[in-house]
Amino acid sequence: MTLFDCNTESAGVVGAIRGDLETHRRLVDMGLLGVEYLVRAKKKQSLLSDFGSQFSAVVQSSVAEQIEVIENRP
């Protein structure tokens, strides 16, 4: 499942990052691998997500589709 597949208020852990080398390096350098996420809002072309207690970010759909997540399910 990718981050962009998640609904609003979905939470879990970032499991892997796919995509081209530049995108992969940038997201790993930001510390996303293994961090908890919480989707705050979702639109057609982007979403707003908290990543751990470190930061929140607006992520474009093309990037969110490259972030593999493991969703916590109640």
C-alpha atoms as a PDB file:
ATOM      1  CA  MET A   1       0.000   0.000   0.000  1.00  0.00           C
ATOM      2  CA  THR A   2       1.281   3.496  -0.752  1.00  0.00           C
ATOM      3  CA  LEU A   3       0.878   6.688   1.224  1.00  0.00           C
ATOM      4  CA  PHE A   4      -1.445   8.029  -1.486  1.00  0.00           C
ATOM      5  CA  ASP A   5      -3.739   4.987  -1.076  1.00  0.00           C
ATOM      6  CA  CYS A   6      -4.415   5.982   2.538  1.00  0.00           C
ATOM      7  CA  ASN A   7      -7.505   7.843   3.679  1.00  0.00           C
ATOM      8  CA  THR A   8      -7.630  10.852   5.964  1.00  0.00           C
ATOM      9  CA  GLU A   9      -6.696   9.923   9.567  1.00  0.00           C
ATOM     10  CA  SER A  10      -4.872   6.770   8.400  1.00  0.00           C
ATOM     11  CA  ALA A  11      -1.783   6.059  10.470  1.00  0.00           C
ATOM     12  CA  GLY A  12       1.084   3.606  10.320  1.00  0.00           C
ATOM     13  CA  VAL A  13       4.771   3.309   9.522  1.00  0.00           C
ATOM     14  CA  VAL A  14       6.747   4.109   6.371  1.00  0.00           C
ATOM     15  CA  GLY A  15       8.134   0.753   5.239  1.00  0.00           C
ATOM     16  CA  ALA A  16       9.956   1.479   1.964  1.00  0.00           C
ATOM     17  CA  ILE A  17      10.591   4.169  -0.592  1.00  0.00           C
ATOM     18  CA  ARG A  18      10.477   3.359  -4.291  1.00  0.00           C
ATOM     19  CA  GLY A  19      11.146   5.468  -7.336  1.00  0.00           C
ATOM     20  CA  ASP A  20      14.078   7.146  -8.970  1.00  0.00           C
ATOM     21  CA  LEU A  21      17.398   7.529  -7.178  1.00  0.00           C
ATOM     22  CA  GLU A  22      17.010  11.273  -6.549  1.00  0.00           C
ATOM     23  CA  THR A  23      13.568  10.958  -4.946  1.00  0.00           C
ATOM     24  CA  HIS A  24      14.643   7.942  -2.890  1.00  0.00           C
ATOM     25  CA  ARG A  25      17.748   9.736  -1.585  1.00  0.00           C
ATOM     26  CA  ARG A  26      15.828  12.911  -0.746  1.00  0.00           C
ATOM     27  CA  LEU A  27      13.129  11.075   1.221  1.00  0.00           C
ATOM     28  CA  VAL A  28      15.618   8.873   3.067  1.00  0.00           C
ATOM     29  CA  ASP A  29      17.713  11.944   3.935  1.00  0.00           C
ATOM     30  CA  MET A  30      14.550  13.510   5.372  1.00  0.00           C
ATOM     31  CA  GLY A  31      14.365  10.534   7.732  1.00  0.00           C
ATOM     32  CA  LEU A  32      11.132   8.992   6.431  1.00  0.00           C
ATOM     33  CA  LEU A  33      12.148   5.311   6.526  1.00  0.00           C
ATOM     34  CA  GLY A  34      10.625   3.614   9.556  1.00  0.00           C
ATOM     35  CA  VAL A  35       8.926   6.765  10.844  1.00  0.00           C
ATOM     36  CA  GLU A  36       5.258   6.875  11.877  1.00  0.00           C
ATOM     37  CA  TYR A  37       2.869   8.855   9.682  1.00  0.00           C
ATOM     38  CA  LEU A  38      -0.627  10.286  10.054  1.00  0.00           C
ATOM     39  CA  VAL A  39      -2.572  11.552   7.025  1.00  0.00           C
ATOM     40  CA  ARG A  40      -4.275  14.819   8.014  1.00  0.00           C
ATOM     41  CA  ALA A  41      -5.917  15.814   4.704  1.00  0.00           C
ATOM     42  CA  LYS A  42      -6.099  14.498   1.160  1.00  0.00           C
ATOM     43  CA  LYS A  43      -6.871  16.188  -2.152  1.00  0.00           C
ATOM     44  CA  LYS A  44      -6.709  14.920  -5.758  1.00  0.00           C
ATOM     45  CA  GLN A  45      -3.092  15.925  -6.335  1.00  0.00           C
ATOM     46  CA  SER A  46      -1.589  16.010  -2.820  1.00  0.00           C
ATOM     47  CA  LEU A  47      -1.972  15.147   0.837  1.00  0.00           C
ATOM     48  CA  LEU A  48      -0.926  16.617   4.177  1.00  0.00           C
ATOM     49  CA  SER A  49       0.783  14.191   6.530  1.00  0.00           C
ATOM     50  CA  ASP A  50       2.554  14.304   9.878  1.00  0.00           C
ATOM     51  CA  PHE A  51       5.782  12.310   9.965  1.00  0.00           C
ATOM     52  CA  GLY A  52       6.580  11.375  13.539  1.00  0.00           C
ATOM     53  CA  SER A  53       6.906  14.361  15.810  1.00  0.00           C
ATOM     54  CA  GLN A  54       9.517  15.813  13.450  1.00  0.00           C
ATOM     55  CA  PHE A  55       7.503  17.615  10.779  1.00  0.00           C
ATOM     56  CA  SER A  56       4.380  17.871   8.646  1.00  0.00           C
ATOM     57  CA  ALA A  57       4.524  18.043   4.873  1.00  0.00           C
ATOM     58  CA  VAL A  58       2.340  18.461   1.833  1.00  0.00           C
ATOM     59  CA  VAL A  59       3.260  15.568  -0.452  1.00  0.00           C
ATOM     60  CA  GLN A  60       2.417  15.531  -4.169  1.00  0.00           C
ATOM     61  CA  SER A  61       0.535  12.467  -5.371  1.00  0.00           C
ATOM     62  CA  SER A  62       3.431  11.381  -7.629  1.00  0.00           C
ATOM     63  CA  VAL A  63       5.754  11.262  -4.602  1.00  0.00           C
ATOM     64  CA  ALA A  64       3.161   9.773  -2.213  1.00  0.00           C
ATOM     65  CA  GLU A  65       2.680   6.904  -4.682  1.00  0.00           C
ATOM     66  CA  GLN A  66       6.367   5.993  -4.211  1.00  0.00           C
ATOM     67  CA  ILE A  67       6.183   5.760  -0.403  1.00  0.00           C
ATOM     68  CA  GLU A  68       5.223   2.245   0.751  1.00  0.00           C
ATOM     69  CA  VAL A  69       3.460   2.207   4.119  1.00  0.00           C
ATOM     70  CA  ILE A  70       2.243  -0.320   6.655  1.00  0.00           C
ATOM     71  CA  GLU A  71      -1.096   0.944   7.930  1.00  0.00           C
ATOM     72  CA  ASN A  72      -2.115   0.421  11.569  1.00  0.00           C
ATOM     73  CA  ARG A  73      -5.538  -1.140  11.644  1.00  0.00           C
ATOM     74  CA  PRO A  74      -7.672  -1.185  14.793  1.00  0.00           C
END
